[in-house]
PDB file of N, CA and C in Angstrom:
ATOM      1  N   UNK A   1       0.845  -1.178   0.000  1.00  0.00           N
ATOM      2  CA  UNK A   1       0.000   0.000   0.000  1.00  0.00           C
ATOM      3  C   UNK A   1       0.896   1.250   0.000  1.00  0.00           C
ATOM      4  N   UNK A   2       0.689   2.182  -0.927  1.00  0.00           N
ATOM      5  CA  UNK A   2       1.553   3.368  -1.018  1.00  0.00           C
ATOM      6  C   UNK A   2       1.335   4.302   0.180  1.00  0.00           C
ATOM      7  N   UNK A   3       2.412   4.984   0.527  1.00  0.00           N
ATOM      8  CA  UNK A   3       2.359   5.940   1.626  1.00  0.00           C
ATOM      9  C   UNK A   3       1.766   7.250   1.113  1.00  0.00           C
ATOM     10  N   UNK A   4       0.570   7.596   1.586  1.00  0.00           N
ATOM     11  CA  UNK A   4      -0.133   8.797   1.114  1.00  0.00           C
ATOM     12  C   UNK A   4       0.601  10.063   1.549  1.00  0.00           C
ATOM     13  N   UNK A   5       1.148  10.064   2.752  1.00  0.00           N
ATOM     14  CA  UNK A   5       1.882  11.240   3.237  1.00  0.00           C
ATOM     15  C   UNK A   5       3.072  11.568   2.360  1.00  0.00           C
ATOM     16  N   UNK A   6       3.784  10.527   1.938  1.00  0.00           N
ATOM     17  CA  UNK A   6       4.946  10.742   1.073  1.00  0.00           C
ATOM     18  C   UNK A   6       4.520  11.269  -0.291  1.00  0.00           C
ATOM     19  N   UNK A   7       3.413  10.739  -0.812  1.00  0.00           N
ATOM     20  CA  UNK A   7       2.908  11.205  -2.108  1.00  0.00           C
ATOM     21  C   UNK A   7       2.490  12.672  -2.024  1.00  0.00           C
ATOM     22  N   UNK A   8       1.834  13.058  -0.926  1.00  0.00           N
ATOM     23  CA  UNK A   8       1.441  14.462  -0.756  1.00  0.00           C
ATOM     24  C   UNK A   8       2.661  15.354  -0.629  1.00  0.00           C
ATOM     25  N   UNK A   9       3.672  14.884   0.102  1.00  0.00           N
ATOM     26  CA  UNK A   9       4.883  15.671   0.262  1.00  0.00           C
ATOM     27  C   UNK A   9       5.586  15.857  -1.083  1.00  0.00           C
ATOM     28  N   UNK A  10       5.643  14.835  -1.885  1.00  0.00           N
ATOM     29  CA  UNK A  10       6.271  14.947  -3.196  1.00  0.00           C
ATOM     30  C   UNK A  10       5.495  15.892  -4.091  1.00  0.00           C
ATOM     31  N   UNK A  11       4.174  15.861  -4.005  1.00  0.00           N
ATOM     32  CA  UNK A  11       3.356  16.748  -4.821  1.00  0.00           C
ATOM     33  C   UNK A  11       3.574  18.201  -4.400  1.00  0.00           C
ATOM     34  N   UNK A  12       3.668  18.457  -3.097  1.00  0.00           N
ATOM     35  CA  UNK A  12       3.859  19.815  -2.611  1.00  0.00           C
ATOM     36  C   UNK A  12       5.231  20.356  -2.992  1.00  0.00           C
ATOM     37  N   UNK A  13       6.254  19.520  -2.962  1.00  0.00           N
ATOM     38  CA  UNK A  13       7.590  20.008  -3.285  1.00  0.00           C
ATOM     39  C   UNK A  13       7.834  20.098  -4.786  1.00  0.00           C
ATOM     40  N   UNK A  14       6.958  19.504  -5.584  1.00  0.00           N
ATOM     41  CA  UNK A  14       7.178  19.554  -7.024  1.00  0.00           C
ATOM     42  C   UNK A  14       6.800  20.906  -7.618  1.00  0.00           C
ATOM     43  N   UNK A  15       6.000  21.683  -6.934  1.00  0.00           N
ATOM     44  CA  UNK A  15       5.602  23.011  -7.407  1.00  0.00           C
ATOM     45  C   UNK A  15       6.455  24.067  -6.706  1.00  0.00           C
ATOM     46  N   UNK A  16       7.093  24.960  -7.421  1.00  0.00           N
ATOM     47  CA  UNK A  16       7.874  26.013  -6.779  1.00  0.00           C
ATOM     48  C   UNK A  16       6.963  26.992  -6.048  1.00  0.00           C
ATOM     49  N   UNK A  17       7.459  27.523  -4.955  1.00  0.00           N
ATOM     50  CA  UNK A  17       6.671  28.426  -4.115  1.00  0.00           C
ATOM     51  C   UNK A  17       6.681  29.842  -4.681  1.00  0.00           C
ATOM     52  N   UNK A  18       5.558  30.501  -4.530  1.00  0.00           N
ATOM     53  CA  UNK A  18       5.444  31.900  -4.959  1.00  0.00           C
ATOM     54  C   UNK A  18       5.505  32.847  -3.763  1.00  0.00           C
ATOM     55  N   UNK A  19       5.901  32.366  -2.591  1.00  0.00           N
ATOM     56  CA  UNK A  19       5.903  33.197  -1.381  1.00  0.00           C
ATOM     57  C   UNK A  19       6.817  34.412  -1.526  1.00  0.00           C
ATOM     58  N   UNK A  20       7.975  34.226  -2.130  1.00  0.00           N
ATOM     59  CA  UNK A  20       8.904  35.343  -2.311  1.00  0.00           C
ATOM     60  C   UNK A  20       8.334  36.424  -3.211  1.00  0.00           C
ATOM     61  N   UNK A  21       7.645  36.001  -4.260  1.00  0.00           N
ATOM     62  CA  UNK A  21       7.029  36.958  -5.180  1.00  0.00           C
ATOM     63  C   UNK A  21       5.944  37.744  -4.459  1.00  0.00           C
ATOM     64  N   UNK A  22       5.086  37.025  -3.740  1.00  0.00           N
ATOM     65  CA  UNK A  22       3.992  37.690  -3.031  1.00  0.00           C
ATOM     66  C   UNK A  22       4.520  38.647  -1.963  1.00  0.00           C
ATOM     67  N   UNK A  23       5.537  38.237  -1.224  1.00  0.00           N
ATOM     68  CA  UNK A  23       6.091  39.097  -0.179  1.00  0.00           C
ATOM     69  C   UNK A  23       6.700  40.366  -0.777  1.00  0.00           C
ATOM     70  N   UNK A  24       7.425  40.234  -1.875  1.00  0.00           N
ATOM     71  CA  UNK A  24       8.042  41.398  -2.502  1.00  0.00           C
ATOM     72  C   UNK A  24       6.994  42.342  -3.084  1.00  0.00           C
ATOM     73  N   UNK A  25       5.949  41.792  -3.671  1.00  0.00           N
ATOM     74  CA  UNK A  25       4.897  42.639  -4.244  1.00  0.00           C
ATOM     75  C   UNK A  25       4.135  43.373  -3.145  1.00  0.00           C
ATOM     76  N   UNK A  26       3.803  42.659  -2.064  1.00  0.00           N
ATOM     77  CA  UNK A  26       3.086  43.309  -0.951  1.00  0.00           C
ATOM     78  C   UNK A  26       3.969  44.391  -0.325  1.00  0.00           C
ATOM     79  N   UNK A  27       5.255  44.111  -0.148  1.00  0.00           N
ATOM     80  CA  UNK A  27       6.168  45.118   0.388  1.00  0.00           C
ATOM     81  C   UNK A  27       6.271  46.324  -0.523  1.00  0.00           C
ATOM     82  N   UNK A  28       6.336  46.087  -1.823  1.00  0.00           N
ATOM     83  CA  UNK A  28       6.392  47.197  -2.783  1.00  0.00           C
ATOM     84  C   UNK A  28       5.140  48.052  -2.712  1.00  0.00           C
ATOM     85  N   UNK A  29       3.997  47.408  -2.603  1.00  0.00           N
ATOM     86  CA  UNK A  29       2.741  48.160  -2.514  1.00  0.00           C
ATOM     87  C   UNK A  29       2.664  48.979  -1.227  1.00  0.00           C
ATOM     88  N   UNK A  30       3.116  48.402  -0.121  1.00  0.00           N
ATOM     89  CA  UNK A  30       3.089  49.150   1.136  1.00  0.00           C
ATOM     90  C   UNK A  30       4.029  50.344   1.107  1.00  0.00           C
ATOM     91  N   UNK A  31       5.220  50.151   0.568  1.00  0.00           N
ATOM     92  CA  UNK A  31       6.162  51.265   0.478  1.00  0.00           C
ATOM     93  C   UNK A  31       5.633  52.318  -0.486  1.00  0.00           C
ATOM     94  N   UNK A  32       5.046  51.905  -1.603  1.00  0.00           N
ATOM     95  CA  UNK A  32       4.474  52.869  -2.548  1.00  0.00           C
ATOM     96  C   UNK A  32       3.334  53.638  -1.900  1.00  0.00           C
ATOM     97  N   UNK A  33       2.524  52.957  -1.119  1.00  0.00           N
ATOM     98  CA  UNK A  33       1.420  53.612  -0.414  1.00  0.00           C
ATOM     99  C   UNK A  33       1.958  54.670   0.547  1.00  0.00           C
ATOM    100  N   UNK A  34       3.031  54.345   1.239  1.00  0.00           N
ATOM    101  CA  UNK A  34       3.622  55.304   2.170  1.00  0.00           C
ATOM    102  C   UNK A  34       4.345  56.438   1.444  1.00  0.00           C
ATOM    103  N   UNK A  35       4.873  56.162   0.251  1.00  0.00           N
ATOM    104  CA  UNK A  35       5.585  57.202  -0.509  1.00  0.00           C
ATOM    105  C   UNK A  35       4.636  58.226  -1.113  1.00  0.00           C
ATOM    106  N   UNK A  36       3.540  57.749  -1.652  1.00  0.00           N
ATOM    107  CA  UNK A  36       2.698  58.609  -2.469  1.00  0.00           C
ATOM    108  C   UNK A  36       1.431  59.094  -1.783  1.00  0.00           C
ATOM    109  N   UNK A  37       1.232  58.736  -0.536  1.00  0.00           N
ATOM    110  CA  UNK A  37       0.089  59.236   0.214  1.00  0.00           C
ATOM    111  C   UNK A  37       0.584  59.761   1.550  1.00  0.00           C
ATOM    112  N   UNK A  38      -0.191  60.601   2.216  1.00  0.00           N
ATOM    113  CA  UNK A  38       0.262  61.145   3.507  1.00  0.00           C
ATOM    114  C   UNK A  38      -0.006  60.215   4.696  1.00  0.00           C
ATOM    115  N   UNK A  39      -0.244  58.933   4.446  1.00  0.00           N
ATOM    116  CA  UNK A  39      -0.568  58.013   5.542  1.00  0.00           C
ATOM    117  C   UNK A  39       0.558  57.952   6.575  1.00  0.00           C
ATOM    118  N   UNK A  40       1.783  57.793   6.129  1.00  0.00           N
ATOM    119  CA  UNK A  40       2.898  57.673   7.063  1.00  0.00           C
ATOM    120  C   UNK A  40       3.156  58.988   7.796  1.00  0.00           C
ATOM    121  N   UNK A  41       3.024  60.101   7.115  1.00  0.00           N
ATOM    122  CA  UNK A  41       3.234  61.410   7.752  1.00  0.00           C
ATOM    123  C   UNK A  41       2.185  61.632   8.841  1.00  0.00           C
ATOM    124  N   UNK A  42       0.944  61.305   8.548  1.00  0.00           N
ATOM    125  CA  UNK A  42      -0.134  61.461   9.541  1.00  0.00           C
ATOM    126  C   UNK A  42       0.103  60.531  10.728  1.00  0.00           C
ATOM    127  N   UNK A  43       0.515  59.307  10.445  1.00  0.00           N
ATOM    128  CA  UNK A  43       0.766  58.350  11.525  1.00  0.00           C
ATOM    129  C   UNK A  43       1.930  58.796  12.405  1.00  0.00           C
ATOM    130  N   UNK A  44       3.008  59.248  11.782  1.00  0.00           N
ATOM    131  CA  UNK A  44       4.142  59.732  12.572  1.00  0.00           C
ATOM    132  C   UNK A  44       3.764  60.954  13.399  1.00  0.00           C
ATOM    133  N   UNK A  45       2.957  61.837  12.832  1.00  0.00           N
ATOM    134  CA  UNK A  45       2.496  63.000  13.584  1.00  0.00           C
ATOM    135  C   UNK A  45       1.599  62.611  14.743  1.00  0.00           C
ATOM    136  N   UNK A  46       0.783  61.605  14.550  1.00  0.00           N
ATOM    137  CA  UNK A  46      -0.140  61.171  15.592  1.00  0.00           C
ATOM    138  C   UNK A  46       0.589  60.541  16.780  1.00  0.00           C
ATOM    139  N   UNK A  47       1.694  59.885  16.530  1.00  0.00           N
ATOM    140  CA  UNK A  47       2.428  59.254  17.630  1.00  0.00           C
ATOM    141  C   UNK A  47       3.575  60.122  18.139  1.00  0.00           C
ATOM    142  N   UNK A  48       3.689  61.334  17.629  1.00  0.00           N
ATOM    143  CA  UNK A  48       4.679  62.272  18.132  1.00  0.00           C
ATOM    144  C   UNK A  48       6.064  62.122  17.527  1.00  0.00           C
ATOM    145  N   UNK A  49       6.166  61.496  16.388  1.00  0.00           N
ATOM    146  CA  UNK A  49       7.463  61.307  15.744  1.00  0.00           C
ATOM    147  C   UNK A  49       7.566  62.084  14.432  1.00  0.00           C
ATOM    148  N   UNK A  50       6.908  63.225  14.365  1.00  0.00           N
ATOM    149  CA  UNK A  50       6.891  63.998  13.125  1.00  0.00           C
ATOM    150  C   UNK A  50       8.256  64.590  12.785  1.00  0.00           C
ATOM    151  N   UNK A  51       9.205  64.537  13.692  1.00  0.00           N
ATOM    152  CA  UNK A  51      10.552  65.039  13.405  1.00  0.00           C
ATOM    153  C   UNK A  51      11.229  64.211  12.308  1.00  0.00           C
ATOM    154  N   UNK A  52      10.767  62.974  12.110  1.00  0.00           N
ATOM    155  CA  UNK A  52      11.380  62.104  11.108  1.00  0.00           C
ATOM    156  C   UNK A  52      10.803  62.275   9.704  1.00  0.00           C
ATOM    157  N   UNK A  53       9.770  63.070   9.544  1.00  0.00           N
ATOM    158  CA  UNK A  53       9.135  63.203   8.229  1.00  0.00           C
ATOM    159  C   UNK A  53      10.055  63.767   7.140  1.00  0.00           C
ATOM    160  N   UNK A  54      10.998  64.675   7.438  1.00  0.00           N
ATOM    161  CA  UNK A  54      11.869  65.133   6.343  1.00  0.00           C
ATOM    162  C   UNK A  54      12.796  64.043   5.796  1.00  0.00           C
ATOM    163  N   UNK A  55      13.004  62.989   6.565  1.00  0.00           N
ATOM    164  CA  UNK A  55      13.945  61.939   6.167  1.00  0.00           C
ATOM    165  C   UNK A  55      13.263  60.733   5.538  1.00  0.00           C
ATOM    166  N   UNK A  56      11.966  60.786   5.367  1.00  0.00           N
ATOM    167  CA  UNK A  56      11.243  59.632   4.828  1.00  0.00           C
ATOM    168  C   UNK A  56      11.664  59.300   3.399  1.00  0.00           C
ATOM    169  N   UNK A  57      11.940  60.312   2.600  1.00  0.00           N
ATOM    170  CA  UNK A  57      12.347  60.061   1.210  1.00  0.00           C
ATOM    171  C   UNK A  57      13.670  59.304   1.127  1.00  0.00           C
ATOM    172  N   UNK A  58      14.549  59.540   2.103  1.00  0.00           N
ATOM    173  CA  UNK A  58      15.841  58.862   2.094  1.00  0.00           C
ATOM    174  C   UNK A  58      15.718  57.369   2.416  1.00  0.00           C
ATOM    175  N   UNK A  59      14.618  56.992   3.032  1.00  0.00           N
ATOM    176  CA  UNK A  59      14.407  55.590   3.400  1.00  0.00           C
ATOM    177  C   UNK A  59      13.421  54.920   2.440  1.00  0.00           C
ATOM    178  N   UNK A  60      12.310  55.596   2.144  1.00  0.00           N
ATOM    179  CA  UNK A  60      11.234  54.956   1.394  1.00  0.00           C
ATOM    180  C   UNK A  60      11.553  54.767  -0.090  1.00  0.00           C
ATOM    181  N   UNK A  61      12.169  55.726  -0.719  1.00  0.00           N
ATOM    182  CA  UNK A  61      12.454  55.583  -2.149  1.00  0.00           C
ATOM    183  C   UNK A  61      13.470  54.475  -2.441  1.00  0.00           C
ATOM    184  N   UNK A  62      14.584  54.387  -1.691  1.00  0.00           N
ATOM    185  CA  UNK A  62      15.468  53.236  -1.923  1.00  0.00           C
ATOM    186  C   UNK A  62      14.794  51.900  -1.586  1.00  0.00           C
ATOM    187  N   UNK A  63      13.950  51.888  -0.546  1.00  0.00           N
ATOM    188  CA  UNK A  63      13.228  50.655  -0.202  1.00  0.00           C
ATOM    189  C   UNK A  63      12.279  50.259  -1.330  1.00  0.00           C
ATOM    190  N   UNK A  64      11.645  51.232  -1.935  1.00  0.00           N
ATOM    191  CA  UNK A  64      10.739  50.952  -3.051  1.00  0.00           C
ATOM    192  C   UNK A  64      11.500  50.357  -4.237  1.00  0.00           C
ATOM    193  N   UNK A  65      12.632  50.955  -4.579  1.00  0.00           N
ATOM    194  CA  UNK A  65      13.447  50.445  -5.683  1.00  0.00           C
ATOM    195  C   UNK A  65      13.938  49.027  -5.371  1.00  0.00           C
ATOM    196  N   UNK A  66      14.391  48.814  -4.144  1.00  0.00           N
ATOM    197  CA  UNK A  66      14.887  47.502  -3.739  1.00  0.00           C
ATOM    198  C   UNK A  66      13.786  46.445  -3.802  1.00  0.00           C
ATOM    199  N   UNK A  67      12.600  46.767  -3.323  1.00  0.00           N
ATOM    200  CA  UNK A  67      11.509  45.790  -3.328  1.00  0.00           C
ATOM    201  C   UNK A  67      10.989  45.510  -4.741  1.00  0.00           C
ATOM    202  N   UNK A  68      10.987  46.505  -5.597  1.00  0.00           N
ATOM    203  CA  UNK A  68      10.582  46.266  -6.988  1.00  0.00           C
ATOM    204  C   UNK A  68      11.606  45.355  -7.668  1.00  0.00           C
ATOM    205  N   UNK A  69      12.890  45.618  -7.428  1.00  0.00           N
ATOM    206  CA  UNK A  69      13.931  44.749  -7.991  1.00  0.00           C
ATOM    207  C   UNK A  69      13.802  43.331  -7.438  1.00  0.00           C
ATOM    208  N   UNK A  70      13.507  43.213  -6.146  1.00  0.00           N
ATOM    209  CA  UNK A  70      13.320  41.905  -5.534  1.00  0.00           C
ATOM    210  C   UNK A  70      12.118  41.180  -6.123  1.00  0.00           C
ATOM    211  N   UNK A  71      11.079  41.920  -6.467  1.00  0.00           N
ATOM    212  CA  UNK A  71       9.906  41.320  -7.104  1.00  0.00           C
ATOM    213  C   UNK A  71      10.286  40.696  -8.443  1.00  0.00           C
ATOM    214  N   UNK A  72      11.040  41.425  -9.254  1.00  0.00           N
ATOM    215  CA  UNK A  72      11.463  40.897 -10.548  1.00  0.00           C
ATOM    216  C   UNK A  72      12.409  39.708 -10.396  1.00  0.00           C
ATOM    217  N   UNK A  73      13.331  39.793  -9.437  1.00  0.00           N
ATOM    218  CA  UNK A  73      14.250  38.683  -9.214  1.00  0.00           C
ATOM    219  C   UNK A  73      13.509  37.439  -8.724  1.00  0.00           C
ATOM    220  N   UNK A  74      12.554  37.619  -7.831  1.00  0.00           N
ATOM    221  CA  UNK A  74      11.773  36.485  -7.329  1.00  0.00           C
ATOM    222  C   UNK A  74      10.962  35.853  -8.443  1.00  0.00           C
ATOM    223  N   UNK A  75      10.389  36.676  -9.296  1.00  0.00           N
ATOM    224  CA  UNK A  75       9.619  36.142 -10.412  1.00  0.00           C
ATOM    225  C   UNK A  75      10.519  35.361 -11.362  1.00  0.00           C
ATOM    226  N   UNK A  76      11.699  35.915 -11.649  1.00  0.00           N
ATOM    227  CA  UNK A  76      12.629  35.217 -12.530  1.00  0.00           C
ATOM    228  C   UNK A  76      13.083  33.887 -11.945  1.00  0.00           C
ATOM    229  N   UNK A  77      13.346  33.881 -10.648  1.00  0.00           N
ATOM    230  CA  UNK A  77      13.758  32.641  -9.988  1.00  0.00           C
ATOM    231  C   UNK A  77      12.624  31.622 -10.003  1.00  0.00           C
ATOM    232  N   UNK A  78      11.407  32.088  -9.738  1.00  0.00           N
ATOM    233  CA  UNK A  78      10.252  31.183  -9.744  1.00  0.00           C
ATOM    234  C   UNK A  78      10.022  30.613 -11.147  1.00  0.00           C
ATOM    235  N   UNK A  79      10.108  31.472 -12.157  1.00  0.00           N
ATOM    236  CA  UNK A  79       9.873  31.034 -13.533  1.00  0.00           C
ATOM    237  C   UNK A  79      10.951  30.037 -13.965  1.00  0.00           C
ATOM    238  N   UNK A  80      12.177  30.290 -13.554  1.00  0.00           N
ATOM    239  CA  UNK A  80      13.272  29.380 -13.901  1.00  0.00           C
ATOM    240  C   UNK A  80      13.057  28.007 -13.244  1.00  0.00           C
ATOM    241  N   UNK A  81      12.656  28.012 -11.966  1.00  0.00           N
ATOM    242  CA  UNK A  81      12.450  26.731 -11.285  1.00  0.00           C
ATOM    243  C   UNK A  81      11.205  26.036 -11.794  1.00  0.00           C
ATOM    244  N   UNK A  82      10.187  26.786 -12.223  1.00  0.00           N
ATOM    245  CA  UNK A  82       8.988  26.178 -12.789  1.00  0.00           C
ATOM    246  C   UNK A  82       9.289  25.601 -14.168  1.00  0.00           C
ATOM    247  N   UNK A  83      10.229  26.175 -14.883  1.00  0.00           N
ATOM    248  CA  UNK A  83      10.604  25.682 -16.205  1.00  0.00           C
ATOM    249  C   UNK A  83      11.321  24.345 -16.154  1.00  0.00           C
ATOM    250  N   UNK A  84      12.021  24.104 -15.036  1.00  0.00           N
ATOM    251  CA  UNK A  84      12.724  22.819 -14.899  1.00  0.00           C
ATOM    252  C   UNK A  84      11.776  21.663 -14.645  1.00  0.00           C
ATOM    253  N   UNK A  85      10.569  21.970 -14.216  1.00  0.00           N
ATOM    254  CA  UNK A  85       9.620  20.907 -13.905  1.00  0.00           C
ATOM    255  C   UNK A  85       8.953  20.340 -15.148  1.00  0.00           C
ATOM    256  N   UNK A  86       8.883  21.122 -16.199  1.00  0.00           N
ATOM    257  CA  UNK A  86       8.160  20.674 -17.391  1.00  0.00           C
ATOM    258  C   UNK A  86       9.063  20.127 -18.432  1.00  0.00           C
TER     259      UNK A  86
END
């Protein structure tokens, strides 16, 4: 009688994970939301940390570029690993 657990494990590992792609895209969207809307400025002002608002561009714009690049790299890695399966 075949081991069902082993068959399920093999099926799960045969498909490459998209977790890296999803994480990079969600991070990019959150950073873009903070860059292009006053949400972060309002939040920092509400908690008394408005002194940091002039420096947000120095942190958020490089983070946005990094996360967008990570999104493309994750997609390329996923596509490459998915190509080996077929």
